[in-house]
Amino acid sequence: MGTIHLNTHSLTTLSEPCKFNFTSSSNKVLTLSRHFSFPRGKIRALSTVPESESVAKEPDEPPAVDFAFVHSVLLPDGTPDVHFRRACGGQKLRDIMLDNNIELYGPYARPLLNCAGGGTCGTCMVEVVEGKELLNPRTNKEKEKLKRKPKNWRLACQTTVGKPDSRGMLVIQQLPEWKAHEWTYEKIAPSEEP
């Protein structure tokens, strides 16, 4: 069923039964029968839209970066504690973690034990397991604080995640210096998923 655009010229109304078919985003057709009031007088069709063009398109999801935060302590069953989150790009990793209630400082969480994002204390270290291409290059403060640490360790307060229109996946190991276990990360191709 196509769509028709109407234009009316009068204020007197006459009730006419109309039937409309709507296609929802889940491709189910909803049929509604109602009585609509049209003004009595001239009704003129302004344009028609063919049925092939009248199907509403699903709006694209806004750009976002997916995160998997792996805690440094295992769950009681021996598996890593992983928290999945989604956030817009263009933000500091520290802000994303704190806004999503992800533990960042561990034993240094008291206000006087960290620099609150200034990049001077080094207590917000994280290990980037996957997705380092979404991050900005290391800053001078990071180079100074992390010169004896692995190249994939970053300071969350100095790390900007992509741009506002970035998409991708980041796997972050929280508190890497307190990590009590080893784990591996593998990408599963879409054809291999059950």
N, C-alpha and C. Protein backbone atom coordinates (compact mmCIF):
# COMPACT_ATOMS: atom_id res chain seq x y z
N MET A 1 0.85 -1.17 0.00
CA MET A 1 0.00 0.00 0.00
C MET A 1 0.89 1.22 0.00
N GLY A 2 0.63 2.18 -0.86
CA GLY A 2 1.41 3.41 -0.96
C GLY A 2 0.93 4.46 0.02
N THR A 3 1.54 5.60 -0.03
CA THR A 3 1.19 6.71 0.84
C THR A 3 0.70 7.85 -0.02
N ILE A 4 -0.32 8.53 0.44
CA ILE A 4 -0.85 9.67 -0.30
C ILE A 4 -0.83 10.89 0.62
N HIS A 5 -0.38 12.02 0.10
CA HIS A 5 -0.35 13.27 0.86
C HIS A 5 -1.56 14.09 0.44
N LEU A 6 -2.32 14.59 1.41
CA LEU A 6 -3.54 15.34 1.12
C LEU A 6 -3.43 16.77 1.58
N ASN A 7 -4.10 17.65 0.87
CA ASN A 7 -4.19 19.06 1.25
C ASN A 7 -5.67 19.41 1.26
N THR A 8 -6.15 20.11 2.29
CA THR A 8 -7.57 20.41 2.40
C THR A 8 -7.81 21.91 2.44
N HIS A 9 -9.05 22.31 2.03
CA HIS A 9 -9.41 23.73 2.01
C HIS A 9 -10.81 23.93 2.55
N SER A 10 -11.07 23.82 3.81
CA SER A 10 -12.37 24.12 4.38
C SER A 10 -12.35 23.70 5.83
N LEU A 11 -13.28 24.18 6.62
CA LEU A 11 -13.28 23.88 8.03
C LEU A 11 -14.41 22.94 8.45
N THR A 12 -15.40 22.69 7.62
CA THR A 12 -16.48 21.79 7.96
C THR A 12 -15.95 20.36 7.89
N THR A 13 -16.35 19.49 8.81
CA THR A 13 -15.79 18.16 8.82
C THR A 13 -16.82 17.10 8.46
N LEU A 14 -16.34 16.05 7.91
CA LEU A 14 -17.14 14.88 7.56
C LEU A 14 -16.31 13.66 7.93
N SER A 15 -16.91 12.73 8.67
CA SER A 15 -16.17 11.55 9.11
C SER A 15 -16.15 10.51 8.01
N GLU A 16 -14.97 10.06 7.65
CA GLU A 16 -14.79 9.06 6.60
C GLU A 16 -13.99 7.90 7.18
N PRO A 17 -14.42 6.65 6.95
CA PRO A 17 -13.60 5.53 7.41
C PRO A 17 -12.36 5.39 6.52
N CYS A 18 -11.21 5.18 7.13
CA CYS A 18 -9.96 5.02 6.39
C CYS A 18 -9.24 3.80 6.94
N LYS A 19 -8.46 3.15 6.11
CA LYS A 19 -7.68 1.99 6.53
C LYS A 19 -6.23 2.23 6.13
N PHE A 20 -5.32 2.11 7.09
CA PHE A 20 -3.91 2.34 6.85
C PHE A 20 -3.13 1.10 7.26
N ASN A 21 -2.09 0.77 6.54
CA ASN A 21 -1.17 -0.30 6.91
C ASN A 21 0.16 0.33 7.25
N PHE A 22 0.71 -0.02 8.42
CA PHE A 22 1.99 0.48 8.85
C PHE A 22 2.93 -0.71 8.98
N THR A 23 4.16 -0.54 8.56
CA THR A 23 5.16 -1.58 8.73
C THR A 23 6.10 -1.12 9.82
N SER A 24 6.20 -1.93 10.88
CA SER A 24 7.07 -1.56 11.99
C SER A 24 8.50 -1.95 11.66
N SER A 25 9.43 -1.59 12.55
CA SER A 25 10.84 -1.88 12.32
C SER A 25 11.11 -3.39 12.36
N SER A 26 10.21 -4.17 12.96
CA SER A 26 10.41 -5.62 12.98
C SER A 26 9.71 -6.29 11.81
N ASN A 27 9.32 -5.50 10.80
CA ASN A 27 8.69 -5.97 9.58
C ASN A 27 7.35 -6.66 9.81
N LYS A 28 6.65 -6.31 10.87
CA LYS A 28 5.29 -6.80 11.09
C LYS A 28 4.34 -5.74 10.58
N VAL A 29 3.30 -6.17 9.89
CA VAL A 29 2.35 -5.22 9.34
C VAL A 29 1.23 -5.03 10.36
N LEU A 30 1.03 -3.80 10.76
CA LEU A 30 -0.04 -3.45 11.69
C LEU A 30 -1.15 -2.79 10.90
N THR A 31 -2.34 -3.30 10.97
CA THR A 31 -3.46 -2.73 10.25
C THR A 31 -4.36 -2.02 11.25
N LEU A 32 -4.62 -0.76 11.00
CA LEU A 32 -5.47 0.03 11.88
C LEU A 32 -6.65 0.56 11.09
N SER A 33 -7.83 0.37 11.59
CA SER A 33 -9.02 0.96 10.97
C SER A 33 -9.56 2.00 11.93
N ARG A 34 -9.70 3.21 11.48
CA ARG A 34 -10.20 4.30 12.31
C ARG A 34 -11.07 5.20 11.48
N HIS A 35 -11.81 6.04 12.16
CA HIS A 35 -12.59 7.09 11.49
C HIS A 35 -11.82 8.39 11.67
N PHE A 36 -11.41 8.98 10.57
CA PHE A 36 -10.71 10.25 10.61
C PHE A 36 -11.66 11.33 10.13
N SER A 37 -11.52 12.51 10.64
CA SER A 37 -12.35 13.63 10.21
C SER A 37 -11.62 14.42 9.15
N PHE A 38 -12.24 14.57 7.98
CA PHE A 38 -11.69 15.39 6.92
C PHE A 38 -12.60 16.59 6.74
N PRO A 39 -12.06 17.73 6.48
CA PRO A 39 -12.91 18.89 6.24
C PRO A 39 -13.75 18.68 4.98
N ARG A 40 -15.00 19.14 5.05
CA ARG A 40 -15.87 19.07 3.89
C ARG A 40 -15.43 20.17 2.94
N GLY A 41 -15.29 19.87 1.76
CA GLY A 41 -14.83 20.84 0.78
C GLY A 41 -13.85 20.17 -0.15
N LYS A 42 -12.87 20.92 -0.55
CA LYS A 42 -11.92 20.41 -1.53
C LYS A 42 -10.80 19.63 -0.85
N ILE A 43 -10.57 18.44 -1.32
CA ILE A 43 -9.43 17.64 -0.90
C ILE A 43 -8.64 17.35 -2.16
N ARG A 44 -7.39 17.68 -2.13
CA ARG A 44 -6.57 17.56 -3.33
C ARG A 44 -5.32 16.76 -2.99
N ALA A 45 -4.99 15.79 -3.82
CA ALA A 45 -3.77 15.01 -3.62
C ALA A 45 -2.59 15.84 -4.08
N LEU A 46 -1.61 16.00 -3.21
CA LEU A 46 -0.41 16.76 -3.56
C LEU A 46 0.64 15.87 -4.20
N SER A 47 0.80 14.67 -3.67
CA SER A 47 1.78 13.76 -4.24
C SER A 47 1.50 12.36 -3.74
N THR A 48 2.05 11.40 -4.41
CA THR A 48 1.96 10.02 -3.98
C THR A 48 3.36 9.45 -3.92
N VAL A 49 3.53 8.50 -3.01
CA VAL A 49 4.81 7.84 -2.86
C VAL A 49 4.60 6.37 -3.20
N PRO A 50 5.32 5.83 -4.16
CA PRO A 50 5.15 4.41 -4.50
C PRO A 50 5.42 3.53 -3.29
N GLU A 51 4.81 2.35 -3.26
CA GLU A 51 4.93 1.45 -2.12
C GLU A 51 6.38 1.07 -1.86
N SER A 52 7.15 0.90 -2.91
CA SER A 52 8.55 0.50 -2.72
C SER A 52 9.35 1.57 -1.98
N GLU A 53 8.96 2.83 -2.08
CA GLU A 53 9.67 3.91 -1.39
C GLU A 53 9.02 4.29 -0.07
N SER A 54 7.81 3.79 0.20
CA SER A 54 7.09 4.21 1.40
C SER A 54 7.48 3.41 2.63
N VAL A 55 8.27 2.36 2.48
CA VAL A 55 8.68 1.56 3.63
C VAL A 55 9.67 2.39 4.45
N ALA A 56 9.37 2.51 5.72
CA ALA A 56 10.23 3.30 6.60
C ALA A 56 11.54 2.55 6.81
N LYS A 57 12.65 3.26 6.70
CA LYS A 57 13.96 2.67 6.91
C LYS A 57 14.30 2.78 8.38
N GLU A 58 14.98 1.74 8.89
CA GLU A 58 15.42 1.78 10.28
C GLU A 58 16.50 2.85 10.41
N PRO A 59 16.40 3.67 11.45
CA PRO A 59 17.45 4.67 11.63
C PRO A 59 18.76 3.98 11.99
N ASP A 60 19.86 4.48 11.44
CA ASP A 60 21.16 3.92 11.76
C ASP A 60 21.45 4.18 13.23
N GLU A 61 22.14 3.22 13.85
CA GLU A 61 22.54 3.41 15.23
C GLU A 61 23.57 4.54 15.28
N PRO A 62 23.50 5.35 16.31
CA PRO A 62 24.52 6.40 16.41
C PRO A 62 25.90 5.77 16.60
N PRO A 63 26.95 6.43 16.13
CA PRO A 63 28.29 5.86 16.28
C PRO A 63 28.63 5.67 17.75
N ALA A 64 29.20 4.53 18.06
CA ALA A 64 29.59 4.23 19.44
C ALA A 64 30.72 3.22 19.43
N VAL A 65 31.46 3.22 20.51
CA VAL A 65 32.56 2.28 20.70
C VAL A 65 32.13 1.29 21.77
N ASP A 66 32.31 0.00 21.50
CA ASP A 66 32.00 -1.04 22.48
C ASP A 66 33.24 -1.32 23.31
N PHE A 67 33.01 -1.57 24.60
CA PHE A 67 34.11 -1.83 25.52
C PHE A 67 33.89 -3.15 26.22
N ALA A 68 34.97 -3.87 26.47
CA ALA A 68 34.96 -5.04 27.35
C ALA A 68 36.03 -4.75 28.40
N PHE A 69 35.61 -4.53 29.64
CA PHE A 69 36.54 -4.25 30.72
C PHE A 69 36.75 -5.54 31.52
N VAL A 70 37.99 -6.01 31.58
CA VAL A 70 38.32 -7.25 32.28
C VAL A 70 38.93 -6.88 33.62
N HIS A 71 38.30 -7.35 34.70
CA HIS A 71 38.77 -7.04 36.05
C HIS A 71 40.02 -7.86 36.35
N SER A 72 40.81 -7.39 37.29
CA SER A 72 42.07 -8.06 37.62
C SER A 72 41.87 -9.28 38.51
N VAL A 73 40.67 -9.47 39.06
CA VAL A 73 40.38 -10.59 39.94
C VAL A 73 39.40 -11.53 39.26
N LEU A 74 39.60 -12.84 39.41
CA LEU A 74 38.71 -13.82 38.83
C LEU A 74 37.42 -13.96 39.64
N LEU A 75 36.37 -14.41 38.98
CA LEU A 75 35.12 -14.75 39.66
C LEU A 75 35.31 -16.05 40.43
N PRO A 76 34.42 -16.39 41.36
CA PRO A 76 34.58 -17.63 42.13
C PRO A 76 34.68 -18.90 41.29
N ASP A 77 34.07 -18.90 40.09
CA ASP A 77 34.15 -20.10 39.25
C ASP A 77 35.43 -20.14 38.41
N GLY A 78 36.32 -19.17 38.58
CA GLY A 78 37.60 -19.17 37.88
C GLY A 78 37.62 -18.46 36.55
N THR A 79 36.53 -17.82 36.15
CA THR A 79 36.49 -17.09 34.88
C THR A 79 36.75 -15.61 35.12
N PRO A 80 37.27 -14.91 34.12
CA PRO A 80 37.51 -13.47 34.28
C PRO A 80 36.18 -12.72 34.43
N ASP A 81 36.19 -11.68 35.24
CA ASP A 81 35.03 -10.82 35.44
C ASP A 81 35.07 -9.75 34.35
N VAL A 82 34.16 -9.85 33.38
CA VAL A 82 34.15 -8.94 32.23
C VAL A 82 32.88 -8.11 32.26
N HIS A 83 33.03 -6.80 32.08
CA HIS A 83 31.89 -5.88 32.01
C HIS A 83 31.86 -5.27 30.62
N PHE A 84 30.71 -5.38 29.96
CA PHE A 84 30.54 -4.83 28.62
C PHE A 84 29.82 -3.49 28.71
N ARG A 85 30.36 -2.49 28.03
CA ARG A 85 29.76 -1.16 28.02
C ARG A 85 29.84 -0.60 26.61
N ARG A 86 29.11 0.49 26.36
CA ARG A 86 29.12 1.20 25.08
C ARG A 86 29.16 2.69 25.40
N ALA A 87 29.97 3.43 24.65
CA ALA A 87 30.07 4.87 24.86
C ALA A 87 30.43 5.55 23.55
N CYS A 88 30.18 6.84 23.50
CA CYS A 88 30.55 7.65 22.33
C CYS A 88 32.05 7.88 22.34
N GLY A 89 32.62 8.02 21.16
CA GLY A 89 34.03 8.33 21.06
C GLY A 89 34.30 9.78 21.40
N GLY A 90 35.57 10.16 21.43
CA GLY A 90 35.95 11.54 21.70
C GLY A 90 36.05 11.86 23.18
N GLN A 91 35.94 10.87 24.06
CA GLN A 91 36.01 11.09 25.50
C GLN A 91 37.29 10.46 26.06
N LYS A 92 37.67 10.90 27.22
CA LYS A 92 38.81 10.29 27.92
C LYS A 92 38.37 8.93 28.46
N LEU A 93 39.26 7.95 28.40
CA LEU A 93 38.96 6.61 28.88
C LEU A 93 38.62 6.64 30.37
N ARG A 94 39.29 7.49 31.14
CA ARG A 94 39.01 7.63 32.57
C ARG A 94 37.55 8.02 32.81
N ASP A 95 37.05 9.00 32.05
CA ASP A 95 35.67 9.46 32.23
C ASP A 95 34.67 8.36 31.85
N ILE A 96 34.97 7.61 30.81
CA ILE A 96 34.08 6.52 30.39
C ILE A 96 34.01 5.47 31.49
N MET A 97 35.15 5.11 32.05
CA MET A 97 35.18 4.10 33.10
C MET A 97 34.45 4.56 34.35
N LEU A 98 34.70 5.78 34.78
CA LEU A 98 34.04 6.27 36.00
C LEU A 98 32.54 6.46 35.79
N ASP A 99 32.13 6.95 34.61
CA ASP A 99 30.70 7.13 34.33
C ASP A 99 29.94 5.81 34.28
N ASN A 100 30.64 4.72 33.93
CA ASN A 100 30.01 3.41 33.83
C ASN A 100 30.28 2.52 35.04
N ASN A 101 30.75 3.13 36.13
CA ASN A 101 31.01 2.41 37.39
C ASN A 101 31.98 1.24 37.21
N ILE A 102 33.02 1.46 36.44
CA ILE A 102 34.08 0.47 36.25
C ILE A 102 35.24 0.85 37.16
N GLU A 103 35.73 -0.12 37.94
CA GLU A 103 36.80 0.17 38.88
C GLU A 103 38.07 0.58 38.13
N LEU A 104 38.59 1.73 38.48
CA LEU A 104 39.77 2.26 37.79
C LEU A 104 40.98 2.32 38.70
N TYR A 105 40.79 2.78 39.91
CA TYR A 105 41.93 3.05 40.78
C TYR A 105 42.27 1.92 41.75
N GLY A 106 41.38 1.00 41.99
CA GLY A 106 41.64 -0.09 42.93
C GLY A 106 41.95 0.45 44.31
N PRO A 107 43.11 0.10 44.87
CA PRO A 107 43.43 0.55 46.22
C PRO A 107 43.74 2.06 46.31
N TYR A 108 43.85 2.74 45.16
CA TYR A 108 44.15 4.18 45.16
C TYR A 108 42.91 5.03 44.95
N ALA A 109 41.74 4.51 45.29
CA ALA A 109 40.49 5.19 44.98
C ALA A 109 40.21 6.40 45.89
N ARG A 110 40.91 6.52 46.97
CA ARG A 110 40.67 7.68 47.85
C ARG A 110 41.15 8.96 47.18
N PRO A 111 40.44 10.07 47.41
CA PRO A 111 40.78 11.33 46.71
C PRO A 111 42.23 11.78 46.85
N LEU A 112 42.87 11.54 47.97
CA LEU A 112 44.23 12.04 48.16
C LEU A 112 45.28 11.09 47.59
N LEU A 113 44.88 9.93 47.09
CA LEU A 113 45.84 8.98 46.57
C LEU A 113 45.96 8.99 45.05
N ASN A 114 45.14 9.79 44.36
CA ASN A 114 45.28 9.90 42.90
C ASN A 114 45.15 11.37 42.50
N CYS A 115 45.57 11.68 41.29
CA CYS A 115 45.65 13.08 40.85
C CYS A 115 44.37 13.57 40.17
N ALA A 116 43.30 12.78 40.16
CA ALA A 116 42.00 13.16 39.59
C ALA A 116 42.08 13.50 38.10
N GLY A 117 42.92 12.79 37.38
CA GLY A 117 42.97 12.97 35.93
C GLY A 117 44.04 13.90 35.43
N GLY A 118 44.98 14.28 36.25
CA GLY A 118 46.03 15.20 35.83
C GLY A 118 47.20 14.53 35.13
N GLY A 119 47.30 13.21 35.22
CA GLY A 119 48.38 12.49 34.56
C GLY A 119 49.69 12.51 35.32
N THR A 120 49.65 12.82 36.62
CA THR A 120 50.89 12.93 37.38
C THR A 120 51.15 11.76 38.33
N CYS A 121 50.11 10.97 38.68
CA CYS A 121 50.32 9.92 39.67
C CYS A 121 50.53 8.54 39.07
N GLY A 122 49.96 8.24 37.92
CA GLY A 122 50.12 6.94 37.28
C GLY A 122 49.27 5.83 37.88
N THR A 123 48.26 6.15 38.69
CA THR A 123 47.44 5.11 39.32
C THR A 123 46.29 4.63 38.44
N CYS A 124 46.05 5.26 37.31
CA CYS A 124 44.94 4.86 36.44
C CYS A 124 45.42 4.05 35.24
N MET A 125 46.49 3.26 35.45
CA MET A 125 47.03 2.45 34.36
C MET A 125 46.04 1.37 33.95
N VAL A 126 45.94 1.17 32.64
CA VAL A 126 45.15 0.08 32.08
C VAL A 126 45.98 -0.57 30.98
N GLU A 127 45.63 -1.81 30.66
CA GLU A 127 46.29 -2.52 29.56
C GLU A 127 45.30 -2.62 28.41
N VAL A 128 45.70 -2.15 27.24
CA VAL A 128 44.85 -2.22 26.05
C VAL A 128 45.15 -3.55 25.36
N VAL A 129 44.19 -4.47 25.43
CA VAL A 129 44.36 -5.80 24.85
C VAL A 129 43.99 -5.78 23.37
N GLU A 130 42.94 -5.07 23.03
CA GLU A 130 42.45 -5.02 21.65
C GLU A 130 41.91 -3.63 21.36
N GLY A 131 42.16 -3.10 20.18
CA GLY A 131 41.59 -1.83 19.75
C GLY A 131 42.47 -0.62 19.94
N LYS A 132 43.78 -0.81 20.02
CA LYS A 132 44.66 0.33 20.26
C LYS A 132 44.64 1.34 19.12
N GLU A 133 44.15 0.92 17.92
CA GLU A 133 44.05 1.84 16.79
C GLU A 133 42.98 2.91 17.02
N LEU A 134 42.07 2.68 17.97
CA LEU A 134 41.04 3.68 18.28
C LEU A 134 41.52 4.76 19.25
N LEU A 135 42.70 4.59 19.80
CA LEU A 135 43.19 5.50 20.83
C LEU A 135 44.18 6.51 20.25
N ASN A 136 44.28 7.65 20.94
CA ASN A 136 45.26 8.65 20.54
C ASN A 136 46.66 8.14 20.87
N PRO A 137 47.70 8.69 20.24
CA PRO A 137 49.07 8.28 20.58
C PRO A 137 49.41 8.66 22.04
N ARG A 138 50.40 8.00 22.59
CA ARG A 138 50.82 8.29 23.96
C ARG A 138 51.23 9.76 24.10
N THR A 139 50.81 10.37 25.19
CA THR A 139 51.19 11.76 25.46
C THR A 139 52.57 11.77 26.14
N ASN A 140 53.15 12.95 26.28
CA ASN A 140 54.45 13.07 26.95
C ASN A 140 54.37 12.61 28.40
N LYS A 141 53.26 12.91 29.08
CA LYS A 141 53.09 12.46 30.47
C LYS A 141 53.07 10.94 30.54
N GLU A 142 52.40 10.31 29.56
CA GLU A 142 52.37 8.85 29.54
C GLU A 142 53.76 8.28 29.27
N LYS A 143 54.47 8.87 28.34
CA LYS A 143 55.81 8.39 28.01
C LYS A 143 56.71 8.45 29.25
N GLU A 144 56.56 9.51 30.04
CA GLU A 144 57.36 9.67 31.25
C GLU A 144 56.98 8.65 32.32
N LYS A 145 55.68 8.50 32.58
CA LYS A 145 55.21 7.61 33.65
C LYS A 145 55.30 6.13 33.29
N LEU A 146 55.21 5.80 32.00
CA LEU A 146 55.14 4.39 31.60
C LEU A 146 56.38 3.92 30.84
N LYS A 147 57.53 4.58 31.03
CA LYS A 147 58.70 4.22 30.24
C LYS A 147 59.22 2.82 30.54
N ARG A 148 58.94 2.27 31.72
CA ARG A 148 59.38 0.91 32.05
C ARG A 148 58.24 -0.10 31.99
N LYS A 149 57.14 0.28 31.42
CA LYS A 149 55.96 -0.59 31.32
C LYS A 149 55.80 -1.05 29.87
N PRO A 150 55.01 -2.12 29.65
CA PRO A 150 54.78 -2.58 28.27
C PRO A 150 54.12 -1.49 27.41
N LYS A 151 54.33 -1.57 26.11
CA LYS A 151 53.83 -0.55 25.18
C LYS A 151 52.31 -0.46 25.13
N ASN A 152 51.61 -1.54 25.50
CA ASN A 152 50.15 -1.51 25.44
C ASN A 152 49.52 -1.02 26.75
N TRP A 153 50.30 -0.57 27.71
CA TRP A 153 49.77 0.03 28.93
C TRP A 153 49.58 1.52 28.69
N ARG A 154 48.47 2.03 29.17
CA ARG A 154 48.14 3.45 29.00
C ARG A 154 47.65 4.03 30.31
N LEU A 155 47.70 5.36 30.43
CA LEU A 155 47.05 6.07 31.54
C LEU A 155 45.65 6.45 31.06
N ALA A 156 44.64 5.99 31.76
CA ALA A 156 43.25 6.24 31.33
C ALA A 156 42.93 7.72 31.28
N CYS A 157 43.56 8.51 32.15
CA CYS A 157 43.26 9.95 32.18
C CYS A 157 43.85 10.70 30.99
N GLN A 158 44.82 10.10 30.29
CA GLN A 158 45.48 10.76 29.16
C GLN A 158 45.07 10.15 27.82
N THR A 159 44.23 9.11 27.85
CA THR A 159 43.87 8.37 26.66
C THR A 159 42.51 8.82 26.15
N THR A 160 42.46 9.34 24.93
CA THR A 160 41.21 9.73 24.28
C THR A 160 40.78 8.60 23.36
N VAL A 161 39.52 8.21 23.48
CA VAL A 161 38.99 7.10 22.68
C VAL A 161 38.37 7.65 21.41
N GLY A 162 39.06 7.51 20.30
CA GLY A 162 38.55 7.86 18.98
C GLY A 162 38.04 9.28 18.84
N LYS A 163 37.13 9.43 17.88
CA LYS A 163 36.45 10.69 17.60
C LYS A 163 34.97 10.46 17.83
N PRO A 164 34.14 11.52 17.85
CA PRO A 164 32.71 11.31 18.10
C PRO A 164 32.03 10.37 17.11
N ASP A 165 32.58 10.20 15.92
CA ASP A 165 31.94 9.30 14.95
C ASP A 165 32.65 7.95 14.84
N SER A 166 33.49 7.61 15.82
CA SER A 166 34.24 6.35 15.79
C SER A 166 33.35 5.16 16.14
N ARG A 167 33.68 4.03 15.55
CA ARG A 167 33.04 2.75 15.86
C ARG A 167 34.14 1.72 16.03
N GLY A 168 33.90 0.73 16.89
CA GLY A 168 34.89 -0.32 17.06
C GLY A 168 34.73 -0.99 18.41
N MET A 169 35.74 -1.80 18.75
CA MET A 169 35.73 -2.57 19.99
C MET A 169 37.06 -2.40 20.70
N LEU A 170 36.98 -2.13 22.00
CA LEU A 170 38.17 -2.03 22.85
C LEU A 170 38.06 -3.07 23.95
N VAL A 171 39.14 -3.81 24.17
CA VAL A 171 39.22 -4.73 25.30
C VAL A 171 40.28 -4.16 26.24
N ILE A 172 39.86 -3.85 27.45
CA ILE A 172 40.71 -3.17 28.43
C ILE A 172 40.89 -4.05 29.66
N GLN A 173 42.14 -4.29 30.06
CA GLN A 173 42.44 -4.99 31.32
C GLN A 173 42.57 -3.93 32.40
N GLN A 174 41.70 -4.00 33.41
CA GLN A 174 41.77 -3.06 34.52
C GLN A 174 42.91 -3.43 35.46
N LEU A 175 43.50 -2.46 36.09
CA LEU A 175 44.55 -2.65 37.09
C LEU A 175 45.56 -3.73 36.69
N PRO A 176 46.27 -3.53 35.57
CA PRO A 176 47.16 -4.60 35.09
C PRO A 176 48.28 -4.96 36.06
N GLU A 177 48.70 -4.00 36.89
CA GLU A 177 49.78 -4.31 37.84
C GLU A 177 49.30 -5.19 38.99
N TRP A 178 47.97 -5.33 39.15
CA TRP A 178 47.39 -6.17 40.20
C TRP A 178 46.81 -7.46 39.61
N LYS A 179 47.05 -7.71 38.35
CA LYS A 179 46.46 -8.87 37.68
C LYS A 179 46.95 -10.16 38.33
N ALA A 180 45.99 -11.00 38.74
CA ALA A 180 46.32 -12.24 39.43
C ALA A 180 46.14 -13.47 38.55
N HIS A 181 45.93 -13.28 37.25
CA HIS A 181 45.69 -14.40 36.36
C HIS A 181 46.08 -14.04 34.94
N GLU A 182 46.25 -15.04 34.13
CA GLU A 182 46.53 -14.84 32.70
C GLU A 182 45.32 -15.32 31.92
N TRP A 183 44.99 -14.61 30.87
CA TRP A 183 43.86 -15.00 30.02
C TRP A 183 44.20 -14.60 28.61
N THR A 184 43.51 -15.19 27.66
CA THR A 184 43.75 -14.87 26.26
C THR A 184 42.48 -14.33 25.65
N TYR A 185 42.65 -13.55 24.60
CA TYR A 185 41.53 -12.94 23.89
C TYR A 185 41.57 -13.43 22.46
N GLU A 186 40.44 -13.94 21.98
CA GLU A 186 40.35 -14.39 20.60
C GLU A 186 39.13 -13.75 19.96
N LYS A 187 39.31 -13.31 18.72
CA LYS A 187 38.16 -12.84 17.95
C LYS A 187 37.48 -14.05 17.34
N ILE A 188 36.15 -14.06 17.39
CA ILE A 188 35.40 -15.14 16.76
C ILE A 188 34.75 -14.55 15.51
N ALA A 189 35.01 -15.16 14.38
CA ALA A 189 34.41 -14.71 13.13
C ALA A 189 32.91 -14.95 13.18
N PRO A 190 32.09 -14.10 12.54
CA PRO A 190 30.65 -14.27 12.59
C PRO A 190 30.16 -15.63 12.13
N SER A 191 30.85 -16.28 11.22
CA SER A 191 30.42 -17.60 10.74
C SER A 191 30.65 -18.69 11.78
N GLU A 192 31.54 -18.46 12.76
CA GLU A 192 31.85 -19.46 13.77
C GLU A 192 30.93 -19.38 14.98
N GLU A 193 30.18 -18.29 15.12
CA GLU A 193 29.29 -18.16 16.28
C GLU A 193 28.14 -19.13 16.17
N PRO A 194 27.65 -19.68 17.33
CA PRO A 194 26.55 -20.63 17.29
C PRO A 194 25.25 -20.00 16.89
